[in-house]
Amino acid sequence: MTWWALLYALSMLARYHPGAWAAAIDVNRSEHATALEQLLAEAVSTVPALVLEVLRTAP
């Protein structure tokens, strides 16, 4: 659930505040860009496995 909430919040930031999102992921200006990049890379590998686990255990 935490992954969903985090990714949903980031997607809303990107959709409704694209300027703020672009500034946040600009590695030359933002101190948070590297952390966001690592977070999103982790999500790409973790979230599909979690979804598959839920699908396999669903009745």
N, C-alpha and C. Protein backbone atom coordinates (compact mmCIF):
# COMPACT_ATOMS: atom_id res chain seq x y z
N MET A 1 0.82 -1.19 0.00
CA MET A 1 0.00 0.00 0.00
C MET A 1 0.87 1.26 0.00
N THR A 2 1.99 1.18 0.68
CA THR A 2 2.89 2.33 0.74
C THR A 2 3.44 2.67 -0.64
N TRP A 3 3.81 1.63 -1.39
CA TRP A 3 4.30 1.88 -2.75
C TRP A 3 3.24 2.57 -3.59
N TRP A 4 2.01 2.08 -3.49
CA TRP A 4 0.92 2.66 -4.27
C TRP A 4 0.75 4.14 -3.92
N ALA A 5 0.71 4.44 -2.64
CA ALA A 5 0.50 5.83 -2.20
C ALA A 5 1.64 6.73 -2.67
N LEU A 6 2.85 6.24 -2.55
CA LEU A 6 4.01 7.04 -2.96
C LEU A 6 4.01 7.29 -4.46
N LEU A 7 3.81 6.25 -5.24
CA LEU A 7 3.81 6.42 -6.69
C LEU A 7 2.62 7.24 -7.17
N TYR A 8 1.49 7.10 -6.52
CA TYR A 8 0.32 7.91 -6.86
C TYR A 8 0.60 9.39 -6.61
N ALA A 9 1.19 9.69 -5.46
CA ALA A 9 1.52 11.09 -5.14
C ALA A 9 2.51 11.67 -6.15
N LEU A 10 3.52 10.90 -6.51
CA LEU A 10 4.48 11.38 -7.50
C LEU A 10 3.84 11.57 -8.86
N SER A 11 2.92 10.68 -9.23
CA SER A 11 2.25 10.83 -10.52
C SER A 11 1.36 12.07 -10.55
N MET A 12 0.73 12.37 -9.43
CA MET A 12 -0.10 13.58 -9.35
C MET A 12 0.78 14.84 -9.44
N LEU A 13 1.93 14.80 -8.81
CA LEU A 13 2.87 15.91 -8.91
C LEU A 13 3.29 16.11 -10.37
N ALA A 14 3.64 15.02 -11.03
CA ALA A 14 4.07 15.10 -12.43
C ALA A 14 2.95 15.58 -13.34
N ARG A 15 1.73 15.15 -13.08
CA ARG A 15 0.62 15.52 -13.95
C ARG A 15 0.13 16.94 -13.74
N TYR A 16 -0.05 17.33 -12.49
CA TYR A 16 -0.68 18.61 -12.21
C TYR A 16 0.31 19.75 -11.93
N HIS A 17 1.56 19.41 -11.69
CA HIS A 17 2.60 20.41 -11.44
C HIS A 17 3.87 20.02 -12.20
N PRO A 18 3.79 19.99 -13.53
CA PRO A 18 4.93 19.51 -14.31
C PRO A 18 6.20 20.34 -14.13
N GLY A 19 6.06 21.62 -13.87
CA GLY A 19 7.24 22.45 -13.64
C GLY A 19 7.97 22.05 -12.37
N ALA A 20 7.20 21.81 -11.32
CA ALA A 20 7.80 21.37 -10.05
C ALA A 20 8.42 19.99 -10.20
N TRP A 21 7.76 19.11 -10.96
CA TRP A 21 8.30 17.77 -11.18
C TRP A 21 9.61 17.85 -11.96
N ALA A 22 9.61 18.66 -13.02
CA ALA A 22 10.83 18.81 -13.82
C ALA A 22 11.97 19.36 -12.98
N ALA A 23 11.67 20.31 -12.12
CA ALA A 23 12.70 20.86 -11.24
C ALA A 23 13.18 19.82 -10.24
N ALA A 24 12.28 18.99 -9.75
CA ALA A 24 12.65 17.98 -8.75
C ALA A 24 13.55 16.89 -9.32
N ILE A 25 13.39 16.57 -10.60
CA ILE A 25 14.19 15.50 -11.18
C ILE A 25 15.40 16.02 -11.97
N ASP A 26 15.63 17.31 -11.96
CA ASP A 26 16.78 17.90 -12.63
C ASP A 26 18.03 17.67 -11.77
N VAL A 27 18.89 16.76 -12.21
CA VAL A 27 20.06 16.39 -11.40
C VAL A 27 21.06 17.53 -11.23
N ASN A 28 20.99 18.53 -12.08
CA ASN A 28 21.91 19.66 -11.98
C ASN A 28 21.43 20.73 -11.00
N ARG A 29 20.14 20.72 -10.64
CA ARG A 29 19.61 21.76 -9.76
C ARG A 29 19.00 21.24 -8.47
N SER A 30 18.54 20.00 -8.46
CA SER A 30 17.80 19.49 -7.31
C SER A 30 18.63 18.53 -6.48
N GLU A 31 18.63 18.76 -5.17
CA GLU A 31 19.34 17.84 -4.28
C GLU A 31 18.56 16.54 -4.08
N HIS A 32 17.30 16.52 -4.52
CA HIS A 32 16.46 15.34 -4.35
C HIS A 32 16.40 14.47 -5.60
N ALA A 33 16.99 14.91 -6.68
CA ALA A 33 16.87 14.19 -7.95
C ALA A 33 17.46 12.78 -7.88
N THR A 34 18.60 12.63 -7.27
CA THR A 34 19.22 11.31 -7.19
C THR A 34 18.38 10.37 -6.34
N ALA A 35 17.84 10.86 -5.24
CA ALA A 35 16.99 10.03 -4.39
C ALA A 35 15.72 9.62 -5.14
N LEU A 36 15.12 10.54 -5.88
CA LEU A 36 13.93 10.21 -6.67
C LEU A 36 14.26 9.17 -7.74
N GLU A 37 15.41 9.32 -8.37
CA GLU A 37 15.83 8.37 -9.39
C GLU A 37 16.00 6.98 -8.79
N GLN A 38 16.62 6.88 -7.64
CA GLN A 38 16.80 5.60 -6.97
C GLN A 38 15.46 5.01 -6.54
N LEU A 39 14.59 5.85 -6.02
CA LEU A 39 13.27 5.41 -5.59
C LEU A 39 12.49 4.82 -6.75
N LEU A 40 12.48 5.52 -7.88
CA LEU A 40 11.74 5.05 -9.04
C LEU A 40 12.36 3.79 -9.64
N ALA A 41 13.68 3.67 -9.60
CA ALA A 41 14.34 2.45 -10.07
C ALA A 41 13.96 1.27 -9.18
N GLU A 42 13.90 1.50 -7.89
CA GLU A 42 13.48 0.44 -6.95
C GLU A 42 12.03 0.06 -7.20
N ALA A 43 11.20 1.03 -7.47
CA ALA A 43 9.78 0.75 -7.73
C ALA A 43 9.59 -0.11 -8.97
N VAL A 44 10.38 0.14 -10.00
CA VAL A 44 10.27 -0.62 -11.24
C VAL A 44 10.56 -2.10 -11.00
N SER A 45 11.46 -2.40 -10.09
CA SER A 45 11.78 -3.80 -9.83
C SER A 45 10.91 -4.41 -8.73
N THR A 46 10.39 -3.61 -7.81
CA THR A 46 9.66 -4.14 -6.67
C THR A 46 8.16 -4.27 -6.92
N VAL A 47 7.55 -3.26 -7.49
CA VAL A 47 6.09 -3.23 -7.63
C VAL A 47 5.55 -4.38 -8.49
N PRO A 48 6.15 -4.69 -9.63
CA PRO A 48 5.62 -5.82 -10.41
C PRO A 48 5.64 -7.14 -9.63
N ALA A 49 6.67 -7.36 -8.84
CA ALA A 49 6.74 -8.58 -8.03
C ALA A 49 5.63 -8.61 -6.99
N LEU A 50 5.33 -7.46 -6.40
CA LEU A 50 4.26 -7.38 -5.41
C LEU A 50 2.90 -7.64 -6.06
N VAL A 51 2.69 -7.10 -7.24
CA VAL A 51 1.43 -7.32 -7.95
C VAL A 51 1.29 -8.80 -8.31
N LEU A 52 2.35 -9.41 -8.79
CA LEU A 52 2.31 -10.82 -9.14
C LEU A 52 2.00 -11.67 -7.90
N GLU A 53 2.59 -11.35 -6.78
CA GLU A 53 2.33 -12.07 -5.54
C GLU A 53 0.85 -12.00 -5.16
N VAL A 54 0.27 -10.82 -5.28
CA VAL A 54 -1.15 -10.66 -4.95
C VAL A 54 -2.02 -11.45 -5.94
N LEU A 55 -1.68 -11.41 -7.20
CA LEU A 55 -2.45 -12.14 -8.19
C LEU A 55 -2.39 -13.65 -7.98
N ARG A 56 -1.25 -14.14 -7.57
CA ARG A 56 -1.08 -15.58 -7.33
C ARG A 56 -1.85 -16.05 -6.10
N THR A 57 -2.01 -15.18 -5.12
CA THR A 57 -2.68 -15.58 -3.89
C THR A 57 -4.16 -15.23 -3.88
N ALA A 58 -4.63 -14.56 -4.92
CA ALA A 58 -6.05 -14.19 -4.98
C ALA A 58 -6.91 -15.44 -5.17
N PRO A 59 -8.06 -15.48 -4.53
CA PRO A 59 -8.94 -16.66 -4.68
C PRO A 59 -9.54 -16.79 -6.05
